Amino acid sequence: MTHDVKLKVIKQEGHCTAGHEIGDEIFISFEKNEIKGKICLHALYSVLPKVYAMAYGAEFPWLEDPDVSTHACPDATNPLVYEVRRIRKD
């Protein structure tokens, strides 16, 4: 069983060339094989390992909430941070 994952922009500095803004949300469903919402390909490429891990049930012992992590966009000049939230299917 896979879980859905939601990405939400929680911090953005400078000018994101992809147009991301605080509050933007992206929904990823492996069951439906879809991504809803806009996401820069560079950010998507960098966050996918974490998304896959969380979708397939991985837990990271350093997180306060095992269903919530963060991920920084690889653009160091215009930093952007996503909240990565697992939406559990029980």
PDB file of N, CA and C in Angstrom:
ATOM      1  N   MET A   1       0.843  -1.176   0.000  1.00  0.00           N
ATOM      2  CA  MET A   1       0.000   0.000   0.000  1.00  0.00           C
ATOM      3  C   MET A   1       0.889   1.241   0.000  1.00  0.00           C
ATOM      4  N   THR A   2       0.507   2.215  -0.795  1.00  0.00           N
ATOM      5  CA  THR A   2       1.224   3.488  -0.790  1.00  0.00           C
ATOM      6  C   THR A   2       0.340   4.557  -0.173  1.00  0.00           C
ATOM      7  N   HIS A   3       0.997   5.571   0.349  1.00  0.00           N
ATOM      8  CA  HIS A   3       0.300   6.719   0.911  1.00  0.00           C
ATOM      9  C   HIS A   3       0.453   7.884  -0.056  1.00  0.00           C
ATOM     10  N   ASP A   4      -0.502   8.782  -0.037  1.00  0.00           N
ATOM     11  CA  ASP A   4      -0.363  10.008  -0.819  1.00  0.00           C
ATOM     12  C   ASP A   4       0.596  10.936  -0.075  1.00  0.00           C
ATOM     13  N   VAL A   5       1.168  11.880  -0.808  1.00  0.00           N
ATOM     14  CA  VAL A   5       2.082  12.844  -0.218  1.00  0.00           C
ATOM     15  C   VAL A   5       1.685  14.239  -0.699  1.00  0.00           C
ATOM     16  N   LYS A   6       1.688  15.179   0.242  1.00  0.00           N
ATOM     17  CA  LYS A   6       1.376  16.570  -0.106  1.00  0.00           C
ATOM     18  C   LYS A   6       2.615  17.416   0.155  1.00  0.00           C
ATOM     19  N   LEU A   7       2.980  18.217  -0.818  1.00  0.00           N
ATOM     20  CA  LEU A   7       4.047  19.196  -0.663  1.00  0.00           C
ATOM     21  C   LEU A   7       3.398  20.562  -0.533  1.00  0.00           C
ATOM     22  N   LYS A   8       3.886  21.362   0.396  1.00  0.00           N
ATOM     23  CA  LYS A   8       3.360  22.711   0.574  1.00  0.00           C
ATOM     24  C   LYS A   8       4.534  23.666   0.749  1.00  0.00           C
ATOM     25  N   VAL A   9       4.533  24.761  -0.018  1.00  0.00           N
ATOM     26  CA  VAL A   9       5.588  25.759   0.111  1.00  0.00           C
ATOM     27  C   VAL A   9       5.367  26.498   1.428  1.00  0.00           C
ATOM     28  N   ILE A  10       6.368  26.412   2.322  1.00  0.00           N
ATOM     29  CA  ILE A  10       6.234  27.072   3.626  1.00  0.00           C
ATOM     30  C   ILE A  10       7.215  28.231   3.790  1.00  0.00           C
ATOM     31  N   LYS A  11       8.183  28.338   2.874  1.00  0.00           N
ATOM     32  CA  LYS A  11       9.141  29.433   2.950  1.00  0.00           C
ATOM     33  C   LYS A  11       9.696  29.682   1.561  1.00  0.00           C
ATOM     34  N   GLN A  12       9.817  30.948   1.183  1.00  0.00           N
ATOM     35  CA  GLN A  12      10.373  31.289  -0.124  1.00  0.00           C
ATOM     36  C   GLN A  12      11.048  32.648  -0.017  1.00  0.00           C
ATOM     37  N   GLU A  13      12.308  32.712  -0.424  1.00  0.00           N
ATOM     38  CA  GLU A  13      13.057  33.963  -0.415  1.00  0.00           C
ATOM     39  C   GLU A  13      13.548  34.246  -1.819  1.00  0.00           C
ATOM     40  N   GLY A  14      13.728  35.508  -2.124  1.00  0.00           N
ATOM     41  CA  GLY A  14      14.203  35.866  -3.454  1.00  0.00           C
ATOM     42  C   GLY A  14      13.093  35.723  -4.476  1.00  0.00           C
ATOM     43  N   HIS A  15      13.459  35.385  -5.697  1.00  0.00           N
ATOM     44  CA  HIS A  15      12.493  35.249  -6.792  1.00  0.00           C
ATOM     45  C   HIS A  15      12.565  33.842  -7.371  1.00  0.00           C
ATOM     46  N   CYS A  16      11.520  33.075  -7.174  1.00  0.00           N
ATOM     47  CA  CYS A  16      11.443  31.725  -7.740  1.00  0.00           C
ATOM     48  C   CYS A  16      11.069  31.854  -9.209  1.00  0.00           C
ATOM     49  N   THR A  17      11.936  31.396 -10.086  1.00  0.00           N
ATOM     50  CA  THR A  17      11.668  31.524 -11.526  1.00  0.00           C
ATOM     51  C   THR A  17      10.491  30.663 -11.972  1.00  0.00           C
ATOM     52  N   ALA A  18      10.139  29.646 -11.184  1.00  0.00           N
ATOM     53  CA  ALA A  18       8.980  28.809 -11.514  1.00  0.00           C
ATOM     54  C   ALA A  18       7.683  29.431 -10.989  1.00  0.00           C
ATOM     55  N   GLY A  19       7.804  30.501 -10.212  1.00  0.00           N
ATOM     56  CA  GLY A  19       6.618  31.190  -9.717  1.00  0.00           C
ATOM     57  C   GLY A  19       6.016  30.616  -8.449  1.00  0.00           C
ATOM     58  N   HIS A  20       6.730  29.756  -7.753  1.00  0.00           N
ATOM     59  CA  HIS A  20       6.202  29.202  -6.505  1.00  0.00           C
ATOM     60  C   HIS A  20       6.067  30.287  -5.446  1.00  0.00           C
ATOM     61  N   GLU A  21       5.010  30.184  -4.660  1.00  0.00           N
ATOM     62  CA  GLU A  21       4.755  31.137  -3.580  1.00  0.00           C
ATOM     63  C   GLU A  21       4.352  30.376  -2.337  1.00  0.00           C
ATOM     64  N   ILE A  22       4.527  30.997  -1.190  1.00  0.00           N
ATOM     65  CA  ILE A  22       4.128  30.385   0.072  1.00  0.00           C
ATOM     66  C   ILE A  22       2.644  30.005  -0.011  1.00  0.00           C
ATOM     67  N   GLY A  23       2.341  28.794   0.406  1.00  0.00           N
ATOM     68  CA  GLY A  23       0.967  28.290   0.382  1.00  0.00           C
ATOM     69  C   GLY A  23       0.662  27.380  -0.795  1.00  0.00           C
ATOM     70  N   ASP A  24       1.489  27.415  -1.843  1.00  0.00           N
ATOM     71  CA  ASP A  24       1.269  26.510  -2.983  1.00  0.00           C
ATOM     72  C   ASP A  24       1.302  25.066  -2.500  1.00  0.00           C
ATOM     73  N   GLU A  25       0.416  24.234  -3.045  1.00  0.00           N
ATOM     74  CA  GLU A  25       0.356  22.829  -2.659  1.00  0.00           C
ATOM     75  C   GLU A  25       0.420  21.930  -3.887  1.00  0.00           C
ATOM     76  N   ILE A  26       1.097  20.814  -3.714  1.00  0.00           N
ATOM     77  CA  ILE A  26       1.222  19.801  -4.753  1.00  0.00           C
ATOM     78  C   ILE A  26       0.837  18.470  -4.125  1.00  0.00           C
ATOM     79  N   PHE A  27      -0.055  17.724  -4.769  1.00  0.00           N
ATOM     80  CA  PHE A  27      -0.493  16.425  -4.274  1.00  0.00           C
ATOM     81  C   PHE A  27       0.067  15.336  -5.181  1.00  0.00           C
ATOM     82  N   ILE A  28       0.670  14.318  -4.570  1.00  0.00           N
ATOM     83  CA  ILE A  28       1.264  13.221  -5.326  1.00  0.00           C
ATOM     84  C   ILE A  28       0.602  11.924  -4.893  1.00  0.00           C
ATOM     85  N   SER A  29       0.048  11.208  -5.868  1.00  0.00           N
ATOM     86  CA  SER A  29      -0.608   9.935  -5.604  1.00  0.00           C
ATOM     87  C   SER A  29       0.020   8.863  -6.479  1.00  0.00           C
ATOM     88  N   PHE A  30       0.634   7.864  -5.834  1.00  0.00           N
ATOM     89  CA  PHE A  30       1.205   6.747  -6.589  1.00  0.00           C
ATOM     90  C   PHE A  30       0.094   5.800  -7.026  1.00  0.00           C
ATOM     91  N   GLU A  31      -0.953   5.701  -6.231  1.00  0.00           N
ATOM     92  CA  GLU A  31      -2.087   4.836  -6.566  1.00  0.00           C
ATOM     93  C   GLU A  31      -2.770   5.310  -7.846  1.00  0.00           C
ATOM     94  N   LYS A  32      -2.933   6.621  -7.983  1.00  0.00           N
ATOM     95  CA  LYS A  32      -3.571   7.188  -9.171  1.00  0.00           C
ATOM     96  C   LYS A  32      -2.556   7.571 -10.249  1.00  0.00           C
ATOM     97  N   ASN A  33      -1.260   7.458  -9.907  1.00  0.00           N
ATOM     98  CA  ASN A  33      -0.194   7.820 -10.839  1.00  0.00           C
ATOM     99  C   ASN A  33      -0.355   9.252 -11.332  1.00  0.00           C
ATOM    100  N   GLU A  34      -0.461  10.198 -10.371  1.00  0.00           N
ATOM    101  CA  GLU A  34      -0.658  11.585 -10.776  1.00  0.00           C
ATOM    102  C   GLU A  34      -0.025  12.564  -9.799  1.00  0.00           C
ATOM    103  N   ILE A  35       0.258  13.733 -10.337  1.00  0.00           N
ATOM    104  CA  ILE A  35       0.715  14.873  -9.554  1.00  0.00           C
ATOM    105  C   ILE A  35      -0.242  16.007  -9.865  1.00  0.00           C
ATOM    106  N   LYS A  36      -0.835  16.587  -8.823  1.00  0.00           N
ATOM    107  CA  LYS A  36      -1.743  17.720  -8.998  1.00  0.00           C
ATOM    108  C   LYS A  36      -1.088  18.963  -8.420  1.00  0.00           C
ATOM    109  N   GLY A  37      -1.044  20.004  -9.201  1.00  0.00           N
ATOM    110  CA  GLY A  37      -0.416  21.248  -8.793  1.00  0.00           C
ATOM    111  C   GLY A  37       0.862  21.458  -9.581  1.00  0.00           C
ATOM    112  N   LYS A  38       1.329  22.695  -9.591  1.00  0.00           N
ATOM    113  CA  LYS A  38       2.547  22.996 -10.355  1.00  0.00           C
ATOM    114  C   LYS A  38       3.762  22.808  -9.475  1.00  0.00           C
ATOM    115  N   ILE A  39       4.824  22.270 -10.062  1.00  0.00           N
ATOM    116  CA  ILE A  39       6.093  22.127  -9.354  1.00  0.00           C
ATOM    117  C   ILE A  39       7.231  22.202 -10.369  1.00  0.00           C
ATOM    118  N   CYS A  40       8.233  22.941 -10.007  1.00  0.00           N
ATOM    119  CA  CYS A  40       9.438  23.078 -10.815  1.00  0.00           C
ATOM    120  C   CYS A  40      10.091  21.700 -10.962  1.00  0.00           C
ATOM    121  N   LEU A  41      10.546  21.364 -12.147  1.00  0.00           N
ATOM    122  CA  LEU A  41      11.165  20.063 -12.375  1.00  0.00           C
ATOM    123  C   LEU A  41      12.426  19.859 -11.538  1.00  0.00           C
ATOM    124  N   HIS A  42      13.174  20.928 -11.270  1.00  0.00           N
ATOM    125  CA  HIS A  42      14.379  20.807 -10.448  1.00  0.00           C
ATOM    126  C   HIS A  42      14.008  20.452  -9.006  1.00  0.00           C
ATOM    127  N   ALA A  43      12.982  21.107  -8.489  1.00  0.00           N
ATOM    128  CA  ALA A  43      12.528  20.803  -7.127  1.00  0.00           C
ATOM    129  C   ALA A  43      11.939  19.395  -7.070  1.00  0.00           C
ATOM    130  N   LEU A  44      11.156  19.025  -8.073  1.00  0.00           N
ATOM    131  CA  LEU A  44      10.560  17.690  -8.101  1.00  0.00           C
ATOM    132  C   LEU A  44      11.637  16.621  -8.110  1.00  0.00           C
ATOM    133  N   TYR A  45      12.630  16.796  -8.951  1.00  0.00           N
ATOM    134  CA  TYR A  45      13.715  15.822  -9.051  1.00  0.00           C
ATOM    135  C   TYR A  45      14.432  15.658  -7.708  1.00  0.00           C
ATOM    136  N   SER A  46      14.633  16.759  -7.009  1.00  0.00           N
ATOM    137  CA  SER A  46      15.372  16.686  -5.747  1.00  0.00           C
ATOM    138  C   SER A  46      14.548  16.119  -4.596  1.00  0.00           C
ATOM    139  N   VAL A  47      13.231  16.305  -4.615  1.00  0.00           N
ATOM    140  CA  VAL A  47      12.380  15.857  -3.506  1.00  0.00           C
ATOM    141  C   VAL A  47      11.865  14.425  -3.701  1.00  0.00           C
ATOM    142  N   LEU A  48      11.943  13.874  -4.902  1.00  0.00           N
ATOM    143  CA  LEU A  48      11.365  12.550  -5.160  1.00  0.00           C
ATOM    144  C   LEU A  48      11.873  11.424  -4.260  1.00  0.00           C
ATOM    145  N   PRO A  49      13.161  11.351  -3.916  1.00  0.00           N
ATOM    146  CA  PRO A  49      13.565  10.272  -3.009  1.00  0.00           C
ATOM    147  C   PRO A  49      12.821  10.309  -1.671  1.00  0.00           C
ATOM    148  N   LYS A  50      12.623  11.492  -1.137  1.00  0.00           N
ATOM    149  CA  LYS A  50      11.898  11.621   0.133  1.00  0.00           C
ATOM    150  C   LYS A  50      10.416  11.294  -0.056  1.00  0.00           C
ATOM    151  N   VAL A  51       9.846  11.723  -1.160  1.00  0.00           N
ATOM    152  CA  VAL A  51       8.435  11.446  -1.447  1.00  0.00           C
ATOM    153  C   VAL A  51       8.222   9.933  -1.569  1.00  0.00           C
ATOM    154  N   TYR A  52       9.076   9.258  -2.322  1.00  0.00           N
ATOM    155  CA  TYR A  52       8.962   7.802  -2.457  1.00  0.00           C
ATOM    156  C   TYR A  52       9.083   7.117  -1.109  1.00  0.00           C
ATOM    157  N   ALA A  53      10.076   7.518  -0.319  1.00  0.00           N
ATOM    158  CA  ALA A  53      10.283   6.902   0.996  1.00  0.00           C
ATOM    159  C   ALA A  53       9.045   7.067   1.867  1.00  0.00           C
ATOM    160  N   MET A  54       8.502   8.263   1.922  1.00  0.00           N
ATOM    161  CA  MET A  54       7.337   8.500   2.770  1.00  0.00           C
ATOM    162  C   MET A  54       6.098   7.799   2.221  1.00  0.00           C
ATOM    163  N   ALA A  55       5.959   7.767   0.913  1.00  0.00           N
ATOM    164  CA  ALA A  55       4.801   7.103   0.310  1.00  0.00           C
ATOM    165  C   ALA A  55       4.790   5.608   0.613  1.00  0.00           C
ATOM    166  N   TYR A  56       5.976   5.023   0.726  1.00  0.00           N
ATOM    167  CA  TYR A  56       6.076   3.589   0.980  1.00  0.00           C
ATOM    168  C   TYR A  56       6.329   3.248   2.445  1.00  0.00           C
ATOM    169  N   GLY A  57       6.086   4.215   3.339  1.00  0.00           N
ATOM    170  CA  GLY A  57       6.066   3.930   4.771  1.00  0.00           C
ATOM    171  C   GLY A  57       7.333   4.161   5.554  1.00  0.00           C
ATOM    172  N   ALA A  58       8.369   4.715   4.937  1.00  0.00           N
ATOM    173  CA  ALA A  58       9.606   4.972   5.681  1.00  0.00           C
ATOM    174  C   ALA A  58       9.347   5.963   6.808  1.00  0.00           C
ATOM    175  N   GLU A  59      10.077   5.754   7.903  1.00  0.00           N
ATOM    176  CA  GLU A  59      10.008   6.698   9.014  1.00  0.00           C
ATOM    177  C   GLU A  59      11.421   7.123   9.360  1.00  0.00           C
ATOM    178  N   PHE A  60      11.577   8.388   9.655  1.00  0.00           N
ATOM    179  CA  PHE A  60      12.873   8.959   9.974  1.00  0.00           C
ATOM    180  C   PHE A  60      12.891   9.277  11.464  1.00  0.00           C
ATOM    181  N   PRO A  61      13.791   8.661  12.242  1.00  0.00           N
ATOM    182  CA  PRO A  61      13.751   8.793  13.695  1.00  0.00           C
ATOM    183  C   PRO A  61      14.008  10.204  14.214  1.00  0.00           C
ATOM    184  N   TRP A  62      14.553  11.082  13.418  1.00  0.00           N
ATOM    185  CA  TRP A  62      14.847  12.443  13.871  1.00  0.00           C
ATOM    186  C   TRP A  62      13.656  13.392  13.725  1.00  0.00           C
ATOM    187  N   LEU A  63      12.575  12.942  13.121  1.00  0.00           N
ATOM    188  CA  LEU A  63      11.397  13.796  12.957  1.00  0.00           C
ATOM    189  C   LEU A  63      10.493  13.717  14.183  1.00  0.00           C
ATOM    190  N   GLU A  64       9.978  14.863  14.612  1.00  0.00           N
ATOM    191  CA  GLU A  64       9.010  14.873  15.714  1.00  0.00           C
ATOM    192  C   GLU A  64       7.735  14.153  15.313  1.00  0.00           C
ATOM    193  N   ASP A  65       7.262  14.450  14.104  1.00  0.00           N
ATOM    194  CA  ASP A  65       6.067  13.822  13.546  1.00  0.00           C
ATOM    195  C   ASP A  65       6.544  12.946  12.383  1.00  0.00           C
ATOM    196  N   PRO A  66       6.358  11.631  12.450  1.00  0.00           N
ATOM    197  CA  PRO A  66       6.876  10.760  11.384  1.00  0.00           C
ATOM    198  C   PRO A  66       6.230  10.987  10.023  1.00  0.00           C
ATOM    199  N   ASP A  67       5.143  11.755  10.001  1.00  0.00           N
ATOM    200  CA  ASP A  67       4.444  12.012   8.742  1.00  0.00           C
ATOM    201  C   ASP A  67       4.757  13.382   8.148  1.00  0.00           C
ATOM    202  N   VAL A  68       5.636  14.151   8.786  1.00  0.00           N
ATOM    203  CA  VAL A  68       5.928  15.506   8.303  1.00  0.00           C
ATOM    204  C   VAL A  68       7.429  15.757   8.294  1.00  0.00           C
ATOM    205  N   SER A  69       7.926  16.156   7.133  1.00  0.00           N
ATOM    206  CA  SER A  69       9.333  16.503   6.977  1.00  0.00           C
ATOM    207  C   SER A  69       9.408  17.819   6.206  1.00  0.00           C
ATOM    208  N   THR A  70      10.603  18.277   5.940  1.00  0.00           N
ATOM    209  CA  THR A  70      10.792  19.457   5.097  1.00  0.00           C
ATOM    210  C   THR A  70      11.815  19.118   4.026  1.00  0.00           C
ATOM    211  N   HIS A  71      11.808  19.919   2.975  1.00  0.00           N
ATOM    212  CA  HIS A  71      12.763  19.728   1.893  1.00  0.00           C
ATOM    213  C   HIS A  71      13.063  21.089   1.268  1.00  0.00           C
ATOM    214  N   ALA A  72      14.343  21.372   1.089  1.00  0.00           N
ATOM    215  CA  ALA A  72      14.760  22.634   0.480  1.00  0.00           C
ATOM    216  C   ALA A  72      14.972  22.461  -1.018  1.00  0.00           C
ATOM    217  N   CYS A  73      14.499  23.425  -1.764  1.00  0.00           N
ATOM    218  CA  CYS A  73      14.732  23.471  -3.206  1.00  0.00           C
ATOM    219  C   CYS A  73      16.235  23.589  -3.451  1.00  0.00           C
ATOM    220  N   PRO A  74      16.751  23.028  -4.540  1.00  0.00           N
ATOM    221  CA  PRO A  74      18.188  23.101  -4.795  1.00  0.00           C
ATOM    222  C   PRO A  74      18.695  24.480  -5.237  1.00  0.00           C
ATOM    223  N   ASP A  75      17.823  25.445  -5.457  1.00  0.00           N
ATOM    224  CA  ASP A  75      18.245  26.790  -5.868  1.00  0.00           C
ATOM    225  C   ASP A  75      18.707  27.575  -4.642  1.00  0.00           C
ATOM    226  N   ALA A  76      20.010  27.600  -4.388  1.00  0.00           N
ATOM    227  CA  ALA A  76      20.552  28.256  -3.194  1.00  0.00           C
ATOM    228  C   ALA A  76      20.436  29.781  -3.250  1.00  0.00           C
ATOM    229  N   THR A  77      20.317  30.341  -4.438  1.00  0.00           N
ATOM    230  CA  THR A  77      20.203  31.795  -4.576  1.00  0.00           C
ATOM    231  C   THR A  77      18.812  32.289  -4.203  1.00  0.00           C
ATOM    232  N   ASN A  78      17.796  31.480  -4.466  1.00  0.00           N
ATOM    233  CA  ASN A  78      16.401  31.832  -4.182  1.00  0.00           C
ATOM    234  C   ASN A  78      15.767  30.692  -3.393  1.00  0.00           C
ATOM    235  N   PRO A  79      16.167  30.519  -2.133  1.00  0.00           N
ATOM    236  CA  PRO A  79      15.729  29.331  -1.385  1.00  0.00           C
ATOM    237  C   PRO A  79      14.217  29.236  -1.195  1.00  0.00           C
ATOM    238  N   LEU A  80      13.753  28.020  -1.307  1.00  0.00           N
ATOM    239  CA  LEU A  80      12.344  27.697  -1.134  1.00  0.00           C
ATOM    240  C   LEU A  80      12.298  26.411  -0.314  1.00  0.00           C
ATOM    241  N   VAL A  81      11.373  26.321   0.640  1.00  0.00           N
ATOM    242  CA  VAL A  81      11.273  25.134   1.485  1.00  0.00           C
ATOM    243  C   VAL A  81       9.858  24.571   1.378  1.00  0.00           C
ATOM    244  N   TYR A  82       9.788  23.262   1.185  1.00  0.00           N
ATOM    245  CA  TYR A  82       8.522  22.542   1.158  1.00  0.00           C
ATOM    246  C   TYR A  82       8.315  21.799   2.471  1.00  0.00           C
ATOM    247  N   GLU A  83       7.071  21.765   2.923  1.00  0.00           N
ATOM    248  CA  GLU A  83       6.679  20.792   3.935  1.00  0.00           C
ATOM    249  C   GLU A  83       6.281  19.552   3.147  1.00  0.00           C
ATOM    250  N   VAL A  84       6.784  18.402   3.545  1.00  0.00           N
ATOM    251  CA  VAL A  84       6.462  17.136   2.899  1.00  0.00           C
ATOM    252  C   VAL A  84       5.625  16.342   3.888  1.00  0.00           C
ATOM    253  N   ARG A  85       4.349  16.154   3.557  1.00  0.00           N
ATOM    254  CA  ARG A  85       3.417  15.503   4.494  1.00  0.00           C
ATOM    255  C   ARG A  85       2.848  14.225   3.903  1.00  0.00           C
ATOM    256  N   ARG A  86       3.022  13.150   4.636  1.00  0.00           N
ATOM    257  CA  ARG A  86       2.443  11.863   4.245  1.00  0.00           C
ATOM    258  C   ARG A  86       0.970  11.867   4.660  1.00  0.00           C
ATOM    259  N   ILE A  87       0.102  11.448   3.761  1.00  0.00           N
ATOM    260  CA  ILE A  87      -1.319  11.322   4.053  1.00  0.00           C
ATOM    261  C   ILE A  87      -1.586   9.831   4.132  1.00  0.00           C
ATOM    262  N   ARG A  88      -1.634   9.330   5.362  1.00  0.00           N
ATOM    263  CA  ARG A  88      -1.760   7.881   5.584  1.00  0.00           C
ATOM    264  C   ARG A  88      -3.114   7.337   5.125  1.00  0.00           C
ATOM    265  N   LYS A  89      -3.050   6.157   4.541  1.00  0.00           N
ATOM    266  CA  LYS A  89      -4.247   5.414   4.171  1.00  0.00           C
ATOM    267  C   LYS A  89      -4.301   4.192   5.065  1.00  0.00           C
ATOM    268  N   ASP A  90      -5.246   4.128   5.925  1.00  0.00           N
ATOM    269  CA  ASP A  90      -5.333   2.989   6.841  1.00  0.00           C
ATOM    270  C   ASP A  90      -6.411   2.017   6.425  1.00  0.00           C
TER     271      ASP A  90
END
